[in-house]
Amino acid sequence: MAIRTTIGWSLITSGVVTLLLAFLPFPSVYWGVALIVVGVLVFVTRRAT
């Protein structure tokens, strides 16, 4: 059940991010790198606690 919830949230989040990238002022490459860094930080801090 947790896997299905995770996949659902992942799809929703990726859709929202795709829509946001179309409207953000800077090139999407910079936003993509920033989102990857934030995602890695979230995983690292969750594993540490």
N, C-alpha and C. Protein backbone atom coordinates (compact mmCIF):
# COMPACT_ATOMS: atom_id res chain seq x y z
N MET A 1 0.82 -1.20 0.00
CA MET A 1 0.00 0.00 0.00
C MET A 1 0.86 1.26 0.00
N ALA A 2 1.95 1.24 0.74
CA ALA A 2 2.82 2.41 0.80
C ALA A 2 3.47 2.69 -0.54
N ILE A 3 3.76 1.63 -1.29
CA ILE A 3 4.38 1.83 -2.61
C ILE A 3 3.41 2.54 -3.54
N ARG A 4 2.15 2.16 -3.50
CA ARG A 4 1.15 2.79 -4.36
C ARG A 4 1.00 4.26 -4.00
N THR A 5 0.99 4.58 -2.71
CA THR A 5 0.89 5.97 -2.27
C THR A 5 2.10 6.77 -2.73
N THR A 6 3.28 6.18 -2.61
CA THR A 6 4.50 6.86 -3.02
C THR A 6 4.50 7.14 -4.52
N ILE A 7 4.07 6.17 -5.31
CA ILE A 7 4.01 6.36 -6.77
C ILE A 7 3.00 7.44 -7.11
N GLY A 8 1.87 7.44 -6.43
CA GLY A 8 0.85 8.46 -6.67
C GLY A 8 1.36 9.86 -6.38
N TRP A 9 1.98 10.02 -5.22
CA TRP A 9 2.53 11.34 -4.87
C TRP A 9 3.63 11.75 -5.83
N SER A 10 4.43 10.80 -6.27
CA SER A 10 5.50 11.10 -7.21
C SER A 10 4.94 11.61 -8.53
N LEU A 11 3.90 10.96 -9.04
CA LEU A 11 3.29 11.39 -10.29
C LEU A 11 2.65 12.77 -10.16
N ILE A 12 1.95 13.00 -9.06
CA ILE A 12 1.32 14.31 -8.84
C ILE A 12 2.39 15.40 -8.75
N THR A 13 3.44 15.13 -7.99
CA THR A 13 4.50 16.12 -7.82
C THR A 13 5.20 16.41 -9.14
N SER A 14 5.49 15.37 -9.91
CA SER A 14 6.16 15.60 -11.19
C SER A 14 5.29 16.40 -12.15
N GLY A 15 4.00 16.18 -12.11
CA GLY A 15 3.09 16.97 -12.95
C GLY A 15 3.07 18.43 -12.55
N VAL A 16 3.02 18.69 -11.25
CA VAL A 16 3.03 20.07 -10.76
C VAL A 16 4.35 20.75 -11.12
N VAL A 17 5.45 20.05 -10.93
CA VAL A 17 6.77 20.62 -11.24
C VAL A 17 6.87 20.92 -12.74
N THR A 18 6.35 20.03 -13.57
CA THR A 18 6.39 20.26 -15.02
C THR A 18 5.62 21.52 -15.38
N LEU A 19 4.46 21.72 -14.76
CA LEU A 19 3.69 22.94 -15.02
C LEU A 19 4.43 24.17 -14.52
N LEU A 20 5.06 24.08 -13.36
CA LEU A 20 5.80 25.22 -12.82
C LEU A 20 6.98 25.60 -13.70
N LEU A 21 7.67 24.61 -14.23
CA LEU A 21 8.84 24.89 -15.06
C LEU A 21 8.48 25.71 -16.30
N ALA A 22 7.26 25.59 -16.77
CA ALA A 22 6.84 26.35 -17.94
C ALA A 22 6.69 27.84 -17.62
N PHE A 23 6.48 28.19 -16.34
CA PHE A 23 6.19 29.57 -15.98
C PHE A 23 7.30 30.24 -15.20
N LEU A 24 8.32 29.50 -14.77
CA LEU A 24 9.39 30.10 -13.98
C LEU A 24 10.32 30.92 -14.87
N PRO A 25 10.92 32.00 -14.30
CA PRO A 25 11.66 32.95 -15.13
C PRO A 25 13.00 32.45 -15.67
N PHE A 26 13.71 31.62 -14.93
CA PHE A 26 15.03 31.19 -15.36
C PHE A 26 14.93 29.93 -16.21
N PRO A 27 15.99 29.57 -16.94
CA PRO A 27 15.95 28.32 -17.72
C PRO A 27 15.66 27.11 -16.83
N SER A 28 14.91 26.17 -17.34
CA SER A 28 14.47 25.04 -16.54
C SER A 28 15.63 24.16 -16.07
N VAL A 29 16.80 24.27 -16.73
CA VAL A 29 17.95 23.47 -16.29
C VAL A 29 18.33 23.84 -14.86
N TYR A 30 18.35 25.14 -14.56
CA TYR A 30 18.71 25.59 -13.21
C TYR A 30 17.70 25.11 -12.19
N TRP A 31 16.42 25.20 -12.53
CA TRP A 31 15.38 24.74 -11.62
C TRP A 31 15.46 23.23 -11.43
N GLY A 32 15.77 22.50 -12.49
CA GLY A 32 15.91 21.05 -12.36
C GLY A 32 17.03 20.67 -11.42
N VAL A 33 18.17 21.33 -11.56
CA VAL A 33 19.31 21.06 -10.67
C VAL A 33 18.94 21.42 -9.24
N ALA A 34 18.28 22.55 -9.05
CA ALA A 34 17.88 22.98 -7.70
C ALA A 34 16.93 21.97 -7.06
N LEU A 35 15.98 21.46 -7.85
CA LEU A 35 15.03 20.49 -7.30
C LEU A 35 15.71 19.17 -6.95
N ILE A 36 16.69 18.77 -7.75
CA ILE A 36 17.43 17.54 -7.44
C ILE A 36 18.19 17.71 -6.12
N VAL A 37 18.82 18.88 -5.95
CA VAL A 37 19.57 19.14 -4.71
C VAL A 37 18.64 19.12 -3.51
N VAL A 38 17.48 19.77 -3.64
CA VAL A 38 16.51 19.78 -2.54
C VAL A 38 16.03 18.37 -2.23
N GLY A 39 15.77 17.59 -3.27
CA GLY A 39 15.33 16.21 -3.06
C GLY A 39 16.37 15.37 -2.34
N VAL A 40 17.63 15.52 -2.73
CA VAL A 40 18.71 14.78 -2.05
C VAL A 40 18.81 15.22 -0.60
N LEU A 41 18.71 16.52 -0.35
CA LEU A 41 18.77 17.00 1.04
C LEU A 41 17.63 16.45 1.88
N VAL A 42 16.45 16.36 1.31
CA VAL A 42 15.30 15.81 2.05
C VAL A 42 15.56 14.35 2.40
N PHE A 43 16.07 13.57 1.44
CA PHE A 43 16.36 12.16 1.72
C PHE A 43 17.45 12.02 2.77
N VAL A 44 18.50 12.82 2.68
CA VAL A 44 19.62 12.71 3.63
C VAL A 44 19.15 13.10 5.03
N THR A 45 18.39 14.18 5.16
CA THR A 45 17.97 14.60 6.50
C THR A 45 16.94 13.63 7.08
N ARG A 46 16.11 13.01 6.27
CA ARG A 46 15.13 12.04 6.80
C ARG A 46 15.85 10.77 7.27
N ARG A 47 16.89 10.35 6.58
CA ARG A 47 17.61 9.15 7.00
C ARG A 47 18.42 9.41 8.26
N ALA A 48 18.87 10.65 8.44
CA ALA A 48 19.69 10.98 9.60
C ALA A 48 18.89 11.00 10.88
N THR A 49 17.58 11.28 10.79
CA THR A 49 16.78 11.38 12.01
C THR A 49 16.14 10.06 12.37
